[in-house]
Amino acid sequence: MARTEKRGTGPRSEHNRDEFLALVTRAAEGLVRHEGLRGLGMRRLASTIGYAPNSIYNAVGDLDAVVLRVNARTLERLHATLTAAVRPEASPRANALAVADAYLAFVAADPQVWSLVFEHQIAPDAVFPDWYAGALARATDLVDAVLRPMIPDPDERRQAVATLWAGLHGLASLSTSRKLAVLTPESPRDLARLLVGRFLGAGEPD
């Protein structure tokens, strides 16, 4: 009869804290990608990485903390995707449309993981940790920078970032849930470009 290895309650010596955080985050992301939020539980996650649940509690925190780690990684990946879509030689309007295209493509490629950013709710009195707020800010700041040449007023631009982000998220959510086709036969990309183009007003051809 095979002997079962006893798992400890903290990260083993082959992983430092940063490596353990990355291990937990990648494993949690994989569970969500295949099964959604309902597939993510502390015991299931611990079993996946070969540690006791207390290891995760001690090094990362509770399940809310794990989800925030996954969401921060998702936002960092989104930031990299949007950054790659922006071309210095392109017009501001063209870059805004390219960012919209990249956003929809990113969500379509990984809808379960992306939906976790919006589906998961922390306690009303909880405060986002600095590392999570930083990941979110990097993504929104990139959009802010793209819109700056067209919307110089910072307050108006902040509202524009929020409005366009919400509109694109709605299109992406309806598309990935296959509900957009009930409203219109047009593709989400065409609708997103219409939304951004109309919002920004007259300009050079798309």
C-alpha atoms as a PDB file:
ATOM      1  CA  MET A   1       0.000   0.000   0.000  1.00  0.00           C
ATOM      2  CA  ALA A   2       1.439   3.339  -1.057  1.00  0.00           C
ATOM      3  CA  ARG A   3       2.396   5.693   1.734  1.00  0.00           C
ATOM      4  CA  THR A   4       0.664   9.085   1.659  1.00  0.00           C
ATOM      5  CA  GLU A   5       3.028  12.011   2.091  1.00  0.00           C
ATOM      6  CA  LYS A   6       2.036  14.267   4.948  1.00  0.00           C
ATOM      7  CA  ARG A   7       1.657  17.836   3.773  1.00  0.00           C
ATOM      8  CA  GLY A   8       2.857  20.684   5.916  1.00  0.00           C
ATOM      9  CA  THR A   9       1.038  23.849   6.854  1.00  0.00           C
ATOM     10  CA  GLY A  10       3.403  26.286   5.185  1.00  0.00           C
ATOM     11  CA  PRO A  11       5.332  26.635   1.912  1.00  0.00           C
ATOM     12  CA  ARG A  12       8.018  24.003   1.588  1.00  0.00           C
ATOM     13  CA  SER A  13      11.636  25.015   1.234  1.00  0.00           C
ATOM     14  CA  GLU A  14      11.604  24.698  -2.566  1.00  0.00           C
ATOM     15  CA  HIS A  15       9.305  27.735  -2.815  1.00  0.00           C
ATOM     16  CA  ASN A  16       9.943  31.184  -1.413  1.00  0.00           C
ATOM     17  CA  ARG A  17       6.916  33.394  -0.714  1.00  0.00           C
ATOM     18  CA  ASP A  18       6.821  35.027  -4.157  1.00  0.00           C
ATOM     19  CA  GLU A  19       7.086  31.665  -5.873  1.00  0.00           C
ATOM     20  CA  PHE A  20       4.341  30.253  -3.666  1.00  0.00           C
ATOM     21  CA  LEU A  21       2.070  33.225  -4.438  1.00  0.00           C
ATOM     22  CA  ALA A  22       2.639  32.641  -8.141  1.00  0.00           C
ATOM     23  CA  LEU A  23       1.952  28.906  -7.751  1.00  0.00           C
ATOM     24  CA  VAL A  24      -1.329  29.540  -5.947  1.00  0.00           C
ATOM     25  CA  THR A  25      -2.394  32.259  -8.375  1.00  0.00           C
ATOM     26  CA  ARG A  26      -1.743  30.174 -11.488  1.00  0.00           C
ATOM     27  CA  ALA A  27      -3.525  27.151 -10.023  1.00  0.00           C
ATOM     28  CA  ALA A  28      -6.545  29.223  -8.980  1.00  0.00           C
ATOM     29  CA  GLU A  29      -6.645  30.833 -12.405  1.00  0.00           C
ATOM     30  CA  GLY A  30      -6.657  27.408 -14.046  1.00  0.00           C
ATOM     31  CA  LEU A  31      -9.577  26.215 -11.907  1.00  0.00           C
ATOM     32  CA  VAL A  32     -11.587  29.323 -12.734  1.00  0.00           C
ATOM     33  CA  ARG A  33     -10.736  29.072 -16.430  1.00  0.00           C
ATOM     34  CA  HIS A  34     -12.196  25.558 -16.653  1.00  0.00           C
ATOM     35  CA  GLU A  35     -14.998  25.677 -14.097  1.00  0.00           C
ATOM     36  CA  GLY A  36     -15.730  29.293 -13.255  1.00  0.00           C
ATOM     37  CA  LEU A  37     -15.893  30.772  -9.776  1.00  0.00           C
ATOM     38  CA  ARG A  38     -17.855  27.790  -8.448  1.00  0.00           C
ATOM     39  CA  GLY A  39     -14.866  25.555  -9.184  1.00  0.00           C
ATOM     40  CA  LEU A  40     -12.608  27.530  -6.873  1.00  0.00           C
ATOM     41  CA  GLY A  41     -12.506  26.408  -3.247  1.00  0.00           C
ATOM     42  CA  MET A  42      -9.692  26.427  -0.732  1.00  0.00           C
ATOM     43  CA  ARG A  43      -9.535  22.636  -0.318  1.00  0.00           C
ATOM     44  CA  ARG A  44      -9.719  22.090  -4.067  1.00  0.00           C
ATOM     45  CA  LEU A  45      -6.982  24.636  -4.642  1.00  0.00           C
ATOM     46  CA  ALA A  46      -4.758  23.152  -1.941  1.00  0.00           C
ATOM     47  CA  SER A  47      -5.180  19.685  -3.420  1.00  0.00           C
ATOM     48  CA  THR A  48      -4.277  20.997  -6.870  1.00  0.00           C
ATOM     49  CA  ILE A  49      -0.936  22.407  -5.741  1.00  0.00           C
ATOM     50  CA  GLY A  50      -0.157  19.601  -3.269  1.00  0.00           C
ATOM     51  CA  TYR A  51      -0.270  21.644  -0.080  1.00  0.00           C
ATOM     52  CA  ALA A  52      -2.518  21.759   2.966  1.00  0.00           C
ATOM     53  CA  PRO A  53      -5.162  24.531   2.988  1.00  0.00           C
ATOM     54  CA  ASN A  54      -3.399  26.195   5.929  1.00  0.00           C
ATOM     55  CA  SER A  55      -0.416  26.786   3.662  1.00  0.00           C
ATOM     56  CA  ILE A  56      -2.541  29.070   1.506  1.00  0.00           C
ATOM     57  CA  TYR A  57      -4.195  30.785   4.457  1.00  0.00           C
ATOM     58  CA  ASN A  58      -0.800  31.493   6.017  1.00  0.00           C
ATOM     59  CA  ALA A  59       0.979  32.737   2.904  1.00  0.00           C
ATOM     60  CA  VAL A  60      -1.807  34.271   0.808  1.00  0.00           C
ATOM     61  CA  GLY A  61      -4.909  34.713   2.943  1.00  0.00           C
ATOM     62  CA  ASP A  62      -8.504  33.591   2.568  1.00  0.00           C
ATOM     63  CA  LEU A  63     -10.336  32.835  -0.671  1.00  0.00           C
ATOM     64  CA  ASP A  64     -11.066  36.528  -1.241  1.00  0.00           C
ATOM     65  CA  ALA A  65      -7.331  37.213  -1.131  1.00  0.00           C
ATOM     66  CA  VAL A  66      -6.696  34.413  -3.627  1.00  0.00           C
ATOM     67  CA  VAL A  67      -9.311  35.829  -6.011  1.00  0.00           C
ATOM     68  CA  LEU A  68      -7.741  39.272  -5.788  1.00  0.00           C
ATOM     69  CA  ARG A  69      -4.386  37.743  -6.719  1.00  0.00           C
ATOM     70  CA  VAL A  70      -5.967  36.121  -9.779  1.00  0.00           C
ATOM     71  CA  ASN A  71      -7.727  39.338 -10.727  1.00  0.00           C
ATOM     72  CA  ALA A  72      -4.552  41.391 -10.346  1.00  0.00           C
ATOM     73  CA  ARG A  73      -2.742  38.966 -12.658  1.00  0.00           C
ATOM     74  CA  THR A  74      -5.625  39.262 -15.150  1.00  0.00           C
ATOM     75  CA  LEU A  75      -5.411  43.060 -15.081  1.00  0.00           C
ATOM     76  CA  GLU A  76      -1.645  42.915 -15.622  1.00  0.00           C
ATOM     77  CA  ARG A  77      -2.168  40.633 -18.616  1.00  0.00           C
ATOM     78  CA  LEU A  78      -4.824  43.016 -19.935  1.00  0.00           C
ATOM     79  CA  HIS A  79      -2.441  45.940 -19.530  1.00  0.00           C
ATOM     80  CA  ALA A  80       0.194  44.116 -21.570  1.00  0.00           C
ATOM     81  CA  THR A  81      -2.381  43.310 -24.275  1.00  0.00           C
ATOM     82  CA  LEU A  82      -3.626  46.889 -24.527  1.00  0.00           C
ATOM     83  CA  THR A  83      -0.086  48.260 -24.511  1.00  0.00           C
ATOM     84  CA  ALA A  84       0.794  46.050 -27.474  1.00  0.00           C
ATOM     85  CA  ALA A  85      -2.218  47.407 -29.389  1.00  0.00           C
ATOM     86  CA  VAL A  86      -1.100  51.049 -29.146  1.00  0.00           C
ATOM     87  CA  ARG A  87       1.196  52.288 -31.923  1.00  0.00           C
ATOM     88  CA  PRO A  88       3.141  55.535 -31.413  1.00  0.00           C
ATOM     89  CA  GLU A  89       2.810  56.450 -35.077  1.00  0.00           C
ATOM     90  CA  ALA A  90      -0.990  55.970 -35.151  1.00  0.00           C
ATOM     91  CA  SER A  91      -3.526  58.721 -34.565  1.00  0.00           C
ATOM     92  CA  PRO A  92      -5.160  58.975 -31.114  1.00  0.00           C
ATOM     93  CA  ARG A  93      -8.495  57.909 -32.587  1.00  0.00           C
ATOM     94  CA  ALA A  94      -6.962  54.886 -34.304  1.00  0.00           C
ATOM     95  CA  ASN A  95      -5.279  53.874 -31.045  1.00  0.00           C
ATOM     96  CA  ALA A  96      -8.564  54.223 -29.151  1.00  0.00           C
ATOM     97  CA  LEU A  97     -10.244  51.892 -31.628  1.00  0.00           C
ATOM     98  CA  ALA A  98      -7.305  49.475 -31.463  1.00  0.00           C
ATOM     99  CA  VAL A  99      -7.568  49.380 -27.659  1.00  0.00           C
ATOM    100  CA  ALA A 100     -11.290  48.587 -27.945  1.00  0.00           C
ATOM    101  CA  ASP A 101     -10.523  45.755 -30.382  1.00  0.00           C
ATOM    102  CA  ALA A 102      -7.807  44.391 -28.090  1.00  0.00           C
ATOM    103  CA  TYR A 103     -10.072  44.537 -25.052  1.00  0.00           C
ATOM    104  CA  LEU A 104     -12.830  42.522 -26.736  1.00  0.00           C
ATOM    105  CA  ALA A 105     -10.336  39.981 -28.057  1.00  0.00           C
ATOM    106  CA  PHE A 106      -8.799  39.593 -24.595  1.00  0.00           C
ATOM    107  CA  VAL A 107     -12.189  38.929 -22.974  1.00  0.00           C
ATOM    108  CA  ALA A 108     -13.274  36.554 -25.733  1.00  0.00           C
ATOM    109  CA  ALA A 109     -10.084  34.517 -25.323  1.00  0.00           C
ATOM    110  CA  ASP A 110     -10.459  34.066 -21.554  1.00  0.00           C
ATOM    111  CA  PRO A 111     -14.052  34.847 -20.534  1.00  0.00           C
ATOM    112  CA  GLN A 112     -14.236  32.846 -17.305  1.00  0.00           C
ATOM    113  CA  VAL A 113     -11.114  34.391 -15.843  1.00  0.00           C
ATOM    114  CA  TRP A 114     -12.058  37.891 -16.957  1.00  0.00           C
ATOM    115  CA  SER A 115     -15.578  37.614 -15.536  1.00  0.00           C
ATOM    116  CA  LEU A 116     -14.054  36.925 -12.119  1.00  0.00           C
ATOM    117  CA  VAL A 117     -12.888  40.560 -11.993  1.00  0.00           C
ATOM    118  CA  PHE A 118     -16.519  41.681 -11.988  1.00  0.00           C
ATOM    119  CA  GLU A 119     -18.361  38.690 -10.487  1.00  0.00           C
ATOM    120  CA  HIS A 120     -16.431  38.435  -7.257  1.00  0.00           C
ATOM    121  CA  GLN A 121     -17.389  40.869  -4.512  1.00  0.00           C
ATOM    122  CA  ILE A 122     -15.409  41.599  -1.371  1.00  0.00           C
ATOM    123  CA  ALA A 123     -16.986  42.818   1.866  1.00  0.00           C
ATOM    124  CA  PRO A 124     -18.447  46.347   1.592  1.00  0.00           C
ATOM    125  CA  ASP A 125     -16.053  47.717   4.214  1.00  0.00           C
ATOM    126  CA  ALA A 126     -12.982  45.971   2.799  1.00  0.00           C
ATOM    127  CA  VAL A 127     -10.164  48.007   1.246  1.00  0.00           C
ATOM    128  CA  PHE A 128      -8.324  46.886  -1.870  1.00  0.00           C
ATOM    129  CA  PRO A 129      -4.635  46.217  -1.163  1.00  0.00           C
ATOM    130  CA  ASP A 130      -2.134  48.534  -2.808  1.00  0.00           C
ATOM    131  CA  TRP A 131      -0.860  45.864  -5.200  1.00  0.00           C
ATOM    132  CA  TYR A 132      -4.384  45.284  -6.535  1.00  0.00           C
ATOM    133  CA  ALA A 133      -5.177  48.979  -6.825  1.00  0.00           C
ATOM    134  CA  GLY A 134      -1.905  49.368  -8.719  1.00  0.00           C
ATOM    135  CA  ALA A 135      -2.802  46.658 -11.221  1.00  0.00           C
ATOM    136  CA  LEU A 136      -6.191  48.257 -11.861  1.00  0.00           C
ATOM    137  CA  ALA A 137      -4.667  51.721 -12.176  1.00  0.00           C
ATOM    138  CA  ARG A 138      -2.125  50.578 -14.760  1.00  0.00           C
ATOM    139  CA  ALA A 139      -4.912  49.308 -17.020  1.00  0.00           C
ATOM    140  CA  THR A 140      -7.105  52.396 -16.664  1.00  0.00           C
ATOM    141  CA  ASP A 141      -4.143  54.783 -16.886  1.00  0.00           C
ATOM    142  CA  LEU A 142      -3.268  53.347 -20.286  1.00  0.00           C
ATOM    143  CA  VAL A 143      -6.768  54.126 -21.570  1.00  0.00           C
ATOM    144  CA  ASP A 144      -6.489  57.577 -20.006  1.00  0.00           C
ATOM    145  CA  ALA A 145      -3.246  58.180 -21.901  1.00  0.00           C
ATOM    146  CA  VAL A 146      -4.825  57.101 -25.195  1.00  0.00           C
ATOM    147  CA  LEU A 147      -7.751  59.502 -24.716  1.00  0.00           C
ATOM    148  CA  ARG A 148      -5.671  62.452 -23.458  1.00  0.00           C
ATOM    149  CA  PRO A 149      -4.990  64.033 -26.890  1.00  0.00           C
ATOM    150  CA  MET A 150      -8.730  64.042 -27.638  1.00  0.00           C
ATOM    151  CA  ILE A 151     -10.071  64.864 -24.160  1.00  0.00           C
ATOM    152  CA  PRO A 152      -7.629  67.266 -22.471  1.00  0.00           C
ATOM    153  CA  ASP A 153      -9.769  68.006 -19.402  1.00  0.00           C
ATOM    154  CA  PRO A 154      -8.751  65.462 -16.705  1.00  0.00           C
ATOM    155  CA  ASP A 155     -12.163  65.237 -15.030  1.00  0.00           C
ATOM    156  CA  GLU A 156     -13.974  64.738 -18.310  1.00  0.00           C
ATOM    157  CA  ARG A 157     -11.351  62.210 -19.359  1.00  0.00           C
ATOM    158  CA  ARG A 158     -11.765  60.254 -16.110  1.00  0.00           C
ATOM    159  CA  GLN A 159     -15.494  60.046 -16.781  1.00  0.00           C
ATOM    160  CA  ALA A 160     -14.819  59.033 -20.379  1.00  0.00           C
ATOM    161  CA  VAL A 161     -12.542  56.192 -19.281  1.00  0.00           C
ATOM    162  CA  ALA A 162     -15.229  54.890 -16.909  1.00  0.00           C
ATOM    163  CA  THR A 163     -18.003  55.273 -19.503  1.00  0.00           C
ATOM    164  CA  LEU A 164     -16.141  53.547 -22.309  1.00  0.00           C
ATOM    165  CA  TRP A 165     -14.866  50.808 -20.003  1.00  0.00           C
ATOM    166  CA  ALA A 166     -18.422  50.103 -18.807  1.00  0.00           C
ATOM    167  CA  GLY A 167     -19.793  50.128 -22.337  1.00  0.00           C
ATOM    168  CA  LEU A 168     -17.131  47.776 -23.684  1.00  0.00           C
ATOM    169  CA  HIS A 169     -17.564  45.480 -20.701  1.00  0.00           C
ATOM    170  CA  GLY A 170     -21.295  45.298 -21.394  1.00  0.00           C
ATOM    171  CA  LEU A 171     -20.699  44.373 -25.022  1.00  0.00           C
ATOM    172  CA  ALA A 172     -18.082  41.794 -24.073  1.00  0.00           C
ATOM    173  CA  SER A 173     -20.293  40.248 -21.391  1.00  0.00           C
ATOM    174  CA  LEU A 174     -23.301  39.985 -23.702  1.00  0.00           C
ATOM    175  CA  SER A 175     -21.116  38.518 -26.424  1.00  0.00           C
ATOM    176  CA  THR A 176     -19.404  35.866 -24.280  1.00  0.00           C
ATOM    177  CA  SER A 177     -22.764  34.846 -22.753  1.00  0.00           C
ATOM    178  CA  ARG A 178     -24.207  34.593 -26.290  1.00  0.00           C
ATOM    179  CA  LYS A 179     -26.941  37.079 -25.490  1.00  0.00           C
ATOM    180  CA  LEU A 180     -25.780  39.822 -27.826  1.00  0.00           C
ATOM    181  CA  ALA A 181     -27.236  37.977 -30.832  1.00  0.00           C
ATOM    182  CA  VAL A 182     -30.696  38.383 -29.284  1.00  0.00           C
ATOM    183  CA  LEU A 183     -30.324  42.158 -29.620  1.00  0.00           C
ATOM    184  CA  THR A 184     -28.496  42.501 -32.916  1.00  0.00           C
ATOM    185  CA  PRO A 185     -26.780  40.463 -35.645  1.00  0.00           C
ATOM    186  CA  GLU A 186     -23.797  42.835 -35.689  1.00  0.00           C
ATOM    187  CA  SER A 187     -20.486  41.644 -34.303  1.00  0.00           C
ATOM    188  CA  PRO A 188     -19.295  42.949 -30.937  1.00  0.00           C
ATOM    189  CA  ARG A 189     -16.239  44.443 -32.663  1.00  0.00           C
ATOM    190  CA  ASP A 190     -18.415  46.498 -35.024  1.00  0.00           C
ATOM    191  CA  LEU A 191     -20.563  47.695 -32.144  1.00  0.00           C
ATOM    192  CA  ALA A 192     -17.525  48.530 -30.025  1.00  0.00           C
ATOM    193  CA  ARG A 193     -15.990  50.581 -32.813  1.00  0.00           C
ATOM    194  CA  LEU A 194     -19.313  52.367 -33.302  1.00  0.00           C
ATOM    195  CA  LEU A 195     -19.497  53.097 -29.574  1.00  0.00           C
ATOM    196  CA  VAL A 196     -15.962  54.469 -29.361  1.00  0.00           C
ATOM    197  CA  GLY A 197     -16.188  56.337 -32.659  1.00  0.00           C
ATOM    198  CA  ARG A 198     -19.474  58.034 -31.779  1.00  0.00           C
ATOM    199  CA  PHE A 199     -18.269  58.833 -28.275  1.00  0.00           C
ATOM    200  CA  LEU A 200     -15.150  60.541 -29.568  1.00  0.00           C
ATOM    201  CA  GLY A 201     -17.086  62.464 -32.195  1.00  0.00           C
ATOM    202  CA  ALA A 202     -15.970  63.483 -35.661  1.00  0.00           C
ATOM    203  CA  GLY A 203     -12.409  62.721 -36.609  1.00  0.00           C
ATOM    204  CA  GLU A 204     -10.280  60.993 -39.161  1.00  0.00           C
ATOM    205  CA  PRO A 205     -11.803  57.869 -40.800  1.00  0.00           C
ATOM    206  CA  ASP A 206     -11.740  54.684 -38.697  1.00  0.00           C
END
